[in-house]
């Protein structure tokens, strides 16, 4: 049984928005950090957003003006919304909770 599962990717036009979900079987109330990373083709994986145990969010500069991250502890879920998508947002997006990673969700932004 997978512990961390991402969903919500797909093909989106430039200027559009995406909402990624991360659902887990883990008890996220005790998670120090819940992170999103992404990896574009031919590039290294990069960190994009984090929500800590206190619910404080932090974003990479590349998305901070366009992104919102939130969680629901009871639902064991976290969401990342990015608006005004750019071609460079194309990547596979991964949810990481502690040492547990999901398989990722592909996001392709087309012009």
N, C-alpha and C. Protein backbone atom coordinates (compact mmCIF):
# COMPACT_ATOMS: atom_id res chain seq x y z
N UNK A 1 0.85 -1.20 0.00
CA UNK A 1 0.00 0.00 0.00
C UNK A 1 0.88 1.24 0.00
N UNK A 2 0.60 2.11 -0.97
CA UNK A 2 1.40 3.32 -1.07
C UNK A 2 1.08 4.23 0.09
N UNK A 3 2.10 4.89 0.62
CA UNK A 3 1.91 5.76 1.76
C UNK A 3 1.68 7.20 1.37
N UNK A 4 2.25 7.59 0.22
CA UNK A 4 2.12 8.96 -0.25
C UNK A 4 1.71 8.91 -1.72
N UNK A 5 0.62 9.56 -2.06
CA UNK A 5 0.11 9.52 -3.42
C UNK A 5 -0.22 10.92 -3.90
N UNK A 6 0.34 11.29 -5.04
CA UNK A 6 0.04 12.57 -5.66
C UNK A 6 -1.03 12.40 -6.73
N UNK A 7 -1.79 13.44 -6.95
CA UNK A 7 -2.76 13.45 -8.03
C UNK A 7 -2.99 14.88 -8.48
N UNK A 8 -3.60 15.03 -9.64
CA UNK A 8 -3.97 16.35 -10.12
C UNK A 8 -3.12 16.90 -11.24
N UNK A 9 -2.16 16.15 -11.71
CA UNK A 9 -1.35 16.64 -12.82
C UNK A 9 -2.10 16.56 -14.13
N UNK A 10 -1.40 16.87 -15.21
CA UNK A 10 -2.00 16.78 -16.52
C UNK A 10 -1.44 17.80 -17.47
N UNK A 11 -2.14 18.00 -18.57
CA UNK A 11 -1.74 18.96 -19.60
C UNK A 11 -2.53 20.25 -19.40
N UNK A 12 -1.81 21.34 -19.19
CA UNK A 12 -2.44 22.61 -18.88
C UNK A 12 -1.82 23.68 -19.76
N UNK A 13 -2.61 24.64 -20.18
CA UNK A 13 -2.10 25.70 -21.04
C UNK A 13 -1.35 26.75 -20.24
N UNK A 14 -0.42 27.40 -20.90
CA UNK A 14 0.26 28.54 -20.29
C UNK A 14 -0.78 29.54 -19.80
N UNK A 15 -0.55 30.02 -18.59
CA UNK A 15 -1.49 30.97 -18.00
C UNK A 15 -2.58 30.32 -17.17
N UNK A 16 -2.68 29.02 -17.29
CA UNK A 16 -3.68 28.30 -16.52
C UNK A 16 -3.22 28.02 -15.11
N UNK A 17 -3.95 27.16 -14.43
CA UNK A 17 -3.64 26.86 -13.03
C UNK A 17 -3.65 25.35 -12.82
N UNK A 18 -2.88 24.92 -11.85
CA UNK A 18 -2.92 23.52 -11.47
C UNK A 18 -3.13 23.41 -9.97
N UNK A 19 -3.74 22.32 -9.60
CA UNK A 19 -3.94 22.03 -8.19
C UNK A 19 -3.54 20.58 -7.98
N UNK A 20 -2.45 20.41 -7.29
CA UNK A 20 -1.95 19.08 -7.00
C UNK A 20 -2.36 18.66 -5.60
N UNK A 21 -2.69 17.41 -5.46
CA UNK A 21 -3.05 16.85 -4.16
C UNK A 21 -2.01 15.83 -3.73
N UNK A 22 -1.81 15.77 -2.44
CA UNK A 22 -0.96 14.75 -1.86
C UNK A 22 -1.75 14.12 -0.72
N UNK A 23 -2.02 12.86 -0.84
CA UNK A 23 -2.78 12.14 0.18
C UNK A 23 -1.89 11.04 0.74
N UNK A 24 -1.99 10.85 2.05
CA UNK A 24 -1.09 9.91 2.70
C UNK A 24 -1.79 9.08 3.75
N UNK A 25 -1.22 7.94 4.03
CA UNK A 25 -1.71 7.10 5.12
C UNK A 25 -0.99 7.47 6.41
N UNK A 26 -0.02 8.34 6.33
CA UNK A 26 0.76 8.75 7.48
C UNK A 26 -0.02 9.77 8.32
N UNK A 27 0.34 9.84 9.59
CA UNK A 27 -0.25 10.83 10.48
C UNK A 27 0.51 12.13 10.30
N UNK A 28 -0.04 13.06 9.53
CA UNK A 28 0.70 14.26 9.21
C UNK A 28 0.72 15.28 10.34
N UNK A 29 -0.06 15.04 11.37
CA UNK A 29 -0.06 15.97 12.50
C UNK A 29 1.33 16.03 13.14
N UNK A 30 2.07 14.94 13.03
CA UNK A 30 3.39 14.90 13.65
C UNK A 30 4.51 15.13 12.65
N UNK A 31 4.15 15.38 11.39
CA UNK A 31 5.17 15.59 10.36
C UNK A 31 5.81 16.96 10.53
N UNK A 32 7.12 17.00 10.67
CA UNK A 32 7.81 18.28 10.83
C UNK A 32 7.66 19.12 9.58
N UNK A 33 7.77 18.48 8.43
CA UNK A 33 7.67 19.18 7.17
C UNK A 33 6.99 18.30 6.14
N UNK A 34 6.20 18.94 5.31
CA UNK A 34 5.64 18.29 4.14
C UNK A 34 6.07 19.14 2.96
N UNK A 35 6.70 18.50 1.99
CA UNK A 35 7.33 19.23 0.90
C UNK A 35 6.80 18.82 -0.45
N UNK A 36 6.91 19.75 -1.38
CA UNK A 36 6.75 19.47 -2.80
C UNK A 36 8.08 19.72 -3.50
N UNK A 37 8.41 18.81 -4.37
CA UNK A 37 9.58 18.95 -5.23
C UNK A 37 9.11 18.76 -6.67
N UNK A 38 9.96 19.16 -7.59
CA UNK A 38 9.66 18.89 -8.98
C UNK A 38 10.94 18.59 -9.74
N UNK A 39 10.79 17.84 -10.80
CA UNK A 39 11.94 17.52 -11.64
C UNK A 39 11.52 17.64 -13.10
N UNK A 40 12.16 18.57 -13.78
CA UNK A 40 11.91 18.76 -15.20
C UNK A 40 12.83 17.84 -15.99
N UNK A 41 12.45 17.53 -17.21
CA UNK A 41 13.28 16.64 -18.04
C UNK A 41 14.70 17.18 -18.18
N UNK A 42 15.66 16.32 -17.88
CA UNK A 42 17.05 16.69 -18.03
C UNK A 42 17.60 17.58 -16.94
N UNK A 43 16.80 17.83 -15.91
CA UNK A 43 17.24 18.71 -14.83
C UNK A 43 17.20 17.98 -13.50
N UNK A 44 17.90 18.57 -12.54
CA UNK A 44 17.89 18.00 -11.20
C UNK A 44 16.57 18.30 -10.51
N UNK A 45 16.24 17.45 -9.57
CA UNK A 45 15.04 17.68 -8.78
C UNK A 45 15.23 18.95 -7.95
N UNK A 46 14.21 19.77 -7.86
CA UNK A 46 14.28 20.99 -7.09
C UNK A 46 13.11 21.08 -6.12
N UNK A 47 13.39 21.68 -5.00
CA UNK A 47 12.36 21.91 -3.99
C UNK A 47 11.50 23.08 -4.42
N UNK A 48 10.17 23.00 -4.19
CA UNK A 48 9.31 24.10 -4.59
C UNK A 48 8.47 24.67 -3.45
N UNK A 49 8.09 23.86 -2.47
CA UNK A 49 7.24 24.40 -1.41
C UNK A 49 7.25 23.49 -0.19
N UNK A 50 6.97 24.09 0.96
CA UNK A 50 6.97 23.35 2.23
C UNK A 50 5.92 23.92 3.16
N UNK A 51 5.29 23.04 3.90
CA UNK A 51 4.46 23.45 5.02
C UNK A 51 4.97 22.72 6.25
N UNK A 52 5.24 23.47 7.30
CA UNK A 52 5.82 22.82 8.48
C UNK A 52 4.74 22.42 9.48
N UNK A 53 5.18 21.91 10.60
CA UNK A 53 4.26 21.38 11.60
C UNK A 53 3.33 22.45 12.14
N UNK A 54 3.80 23.69 12.13
CA UNK A 54 2.98 24.81 12.61
C UNK A 54 2.05 25.36 11.53
N UNK A 55 2.15 24.80 10.34
CA UNK A 55 1.31 25.27 9.25
C UNK A 55 1.89 26.45 8.49
N UNK A 56 3.14 26.74 8.75
CA UNK A 56 3.80 27.85 8.06
C UNK A 56 4.32 27.37 6.71
N UNK A 57 4.03 28.15 5.70
CA UNK A 57 4.42 27.75 4.34
C UNK A 57 5.61 28.55 3.84
N UNK A 58 6.39 27.92 3.01
CA UNK A 58 7.55 28.52 2.37
C UNK A 58 7.57 28.06 0.92
N UNK A 59 7.96 28.98 0.03
CA UNK A 59 7.94 28.68 -1.39
C UNK A 59 9.27 29.02 -2.04
N UNK A 60 9.56 28.29 -3.10
CA UNK A 60 10.71 28.65 -3.92
C UNK A 60 10.41 29.97 -4.63
N UNK A 61 11.44 30.72 -4.89
CA UNK A 61 11.28 32.02 -5.54
C UNK A 61 10.54 31.88 -6.87
N UNK A 62 10.79 30.78 -7.55
CA UNK A 62 10.22 30.58 -8.89
C UNK A 62 8.70 30.51 -8.88
N UNK A 63 8.09 30.19 -7.74
CA UNK A 63 6.63 30.06 -7.71
C UNK A 63 5.97 30.89 -6.62
N UNK A 64 6.73 31.54 -5.74
CA UNK A 64 6.13 32.11 -4.52
C UNK A 64 5.04 33.13 -4.80
N UNK A 65 5.14 33.87 -5.89
CA UNK A 65 4.11 34.86 -6.19
C UNK A 65 2.86 34.24 -6.81
N UNK A 66 2.94 32.95 -7.14
CA UNK A 66 1.86 32.31 -7.88
C UNK A 66 1.27 31.09 -7.17
N UNK A 67 1.82 30.75 -6.01
CA UNK A 67 1.47 29.47 -5.40
C UNK A 67 0.81 29.61 -4.04
N UNK A 68 -0.01 28.61 -3.74
CA UNK A 68 -0.61 28.49 -2.42
C UNK A 68 -0.54 27.03 -1.99
N UNK A 69 -0.11 26.83 -0.77
CA UNK A 69 0.03 25.49 -0.21
C UNK A 69 -0.78 25.41 1.07
N UNK A 70 -1.54 24.35 1.22
CA UNK A 70 -2.30 24.18 2.44
C UNK A 70 -2.50 22.69 2.70
N UNK A 71 -2.95 22.40 3.90
CA UNK A 71 -3.12 21.00 4.30
C UNK A 71 -4.39 20.86 5.13
N UNK A 72 -4.82 19.62 5.26
CA UNK A 72 -5.92 19.28 6.15
C UNK A 72 -5.45 18.05 6.92
N UNK A 73 -5.15 18.23 8.17
CA UNK A 73 -4.59 17.14 8.96
C UNK A 73 -5.56 15.98 9.07
N UNK A 74 -6.84 16.27 9.29
CA UNK A 74 -7.83 15.20 9.45
C UNK A 74 -7.95 14.38 8.17
N UNK A 75 -7.81 15.04 7.03
CA UNK A 75 -7.91 14.34 5.75
C UNK A 75 -6.56 13.76 5.32
N UNK A 76 -5.53 14.01 6.09
CA UNK A 76 -4.18 13.53 5.76
C UNK A 76 -3.81 13.93 4.34
N UNK A 77 -4.06 15.17 4.05
CA UNK A 77 -3.85 15.63 2.68
C UNK A 77 -3.23 17.02 2.66
N UNK A 78 -2.56 17.29 1.53
CA UNK A 78 -1.94 18.58 1.29
C UNK A 78 -2.20 18.92 -0.17
N UNK A 79 -2.34 20.22 -0.44
CA UNK A 79 -2.60 20.67 -1.80
C UNK A 79 -1.63 21.79 -2.16
N UNK A 80 -1.25 21.80 -3.42
CA UNK A 80 -0.43 22.88 -3.96
C UNK A 80 -1.13 23.42 -5.19
N UNK A 81 -1.44 24.69 -5.16
CA UNK A 81 -2.01 25.35 -6.32
C UNK A 81 -1.00 26.34 -6.87
N UNK A 82 -0.80 26.29 -8.16
CA UNK A 82 0.07 27.24 -8.85
C UNK A 82 -0.72 27.88 -9.97
N UNK A 83 -0.80 29.19 -9.94
CA UNK A 83 -1.53 29.94 -10.95
C UNK A 83 -0.58 30.50 -11.99
N UNK A 84 -1.16 31.02 -13.06
CA UNK A 84 -0.38 31.66 -14.11
C UNK A 84 0.81 30.79 -14.53
N UNK A 85 0.49 29.58 -14.92
CA UNK A 85 1.52 28.61 -15.24
C UNK A 85 2.38 29.05 -16.41
N UNK A 86 3.65 28.68 -16.31
CA UNK A 86 4.62 28.97 -17.36
C UNK A 86 5.15 27.65 -17.91
N UNK A 87 5.72 27.72 -19.10
CA UNK A 87 6.27 26.51 -19.70
C UNK A 87 7.30 25.86 -18.78
N UNK A 88 8.04 26.68 -18.06
CA UNK A 88 9.09 26.15 -17.19
C UNK A 88 8.54 25.47 -15.94
N UNK A 89 7.23 25.51 -15.75
CA UNK A 89 6.63 24.74 -14.65
C UNK A 89 6.43 23.28 -15.03
N UNK A 90 6.67 22.96 -16.29
CA UNK A 90 6.56 21.57 -16.73
C UNK A 90 7.55 20.72 -15.97
N UNK A 91 7.05 19.69 -15.31
CA UNK A 91 7.91 18.83 -14.49
C UNK A 91 7.06 17.72 -13.89
N UNK A 92 7.74 16.78 -13.31
CA UNK A 92 7.06 15.79 -12.49
C UNK A 92 7.13 16.32 -11.06
N UNK A 93 5.99 16.40 -10.41
CA UNK A 93 5.90 16.97 -9.07
C UNK A 93 5.76 15.85 -8.04
N UNK A 94 6.58 15.96 -7.01
CA UNK A 94 6.63 14.93 -5.98
C UNK A 94 6.25 15.51 -4.62
N UNK A 95 5.50 14.74 -3.89
CA UNK A 95 5.19 15.06 -2.50
C UNK A 95 6.12 14.23 -1.62
N UNK A 96 6.68 14.88 -0.62
CA UNK A 96 7.57 14.19 0.32
C UNK A 96 7.17 14.53 1.74
N UNK A 97 6.96 13.50 2.53
CA UNK A 97 6.61 13.69 3.94
C UNK A 97 7.67 12.94 4.74
N UNK A 98 8.54 13.69 5.36
CA UNK A 98 9.69 13.07 6.00
C UNK A 98 10.51 12.34 4.95
N UNK A 99 10.72 11.05 5.18
CA UNK A 99 11.49 10.25 4.24
C UNK A 99 10.62 9.55 3.21
N UNK A 100 9.33 9.74 3.29
CA UNK A 100 8.40 9.07 2.39
C UNK A 100 8.09 9.94 1.19
N UNK A 101 8.22 9.35 0.03
CA UNK A 101 7.97 10.05 -1.23
C UNK A 101 6.88 9.33 -2.02
N UNK A 102 6.13 10.15 -2.77
CA UNK A 102 5.20 9.56 -3.70
C UNK A 102 5.86 9.27 -5.03
N UNK A 103 5.08 8.75 -5.95
CA UNK A 103 5.58 8.42 -7.28
C UNK A 103 5.62 9.63 -8.20
N UNK A 104 4.95 10.67 -7.80
CA UNK A 104 4.97 11.90 -8.59
C UNK A 104 3.75 12.03 -9.49
N UNK A 105 3.49 13.27 -9.89
CA UNK A 105 2.40 13.58 -10.82
C UNK A 105 2.96 14.46 -11.92
N UNK A 106 2.73 14.06 -13.16
CA UNK A 106 3.29 14.80 -14.29
C UNK A 106 2.44 16.02 -14.60
N UNK A 107 3.10 17.14 -14.74
CA UNK A 107 2.46 18.39 -15.16
C UNK A 107 3.16 18.87 -16.42
N UNK A 108 2.39 19.07 -17.45
CA UNK A 108 2.92 19.58 -18.71
C UNK A 108 2.19 20.86 -19.06
N UNK A 109 2.94 21.93 -19.20
CA UNK A 109 2.36 23.23 -19.53
C UNK A 109 2.64 23.51 -21.00
N UNK A 110 1.59 23.69 -21.75
CA UNK A 110 1.74 23.88 -23.20
C UNK A 110 1.38 25.29 -23.61
N UNK A 111 2.04 25.76 -24.63
CA UNK A 111 1.75 27.12 -25.12
C UNK A 111 0.75 27.06 -26.26
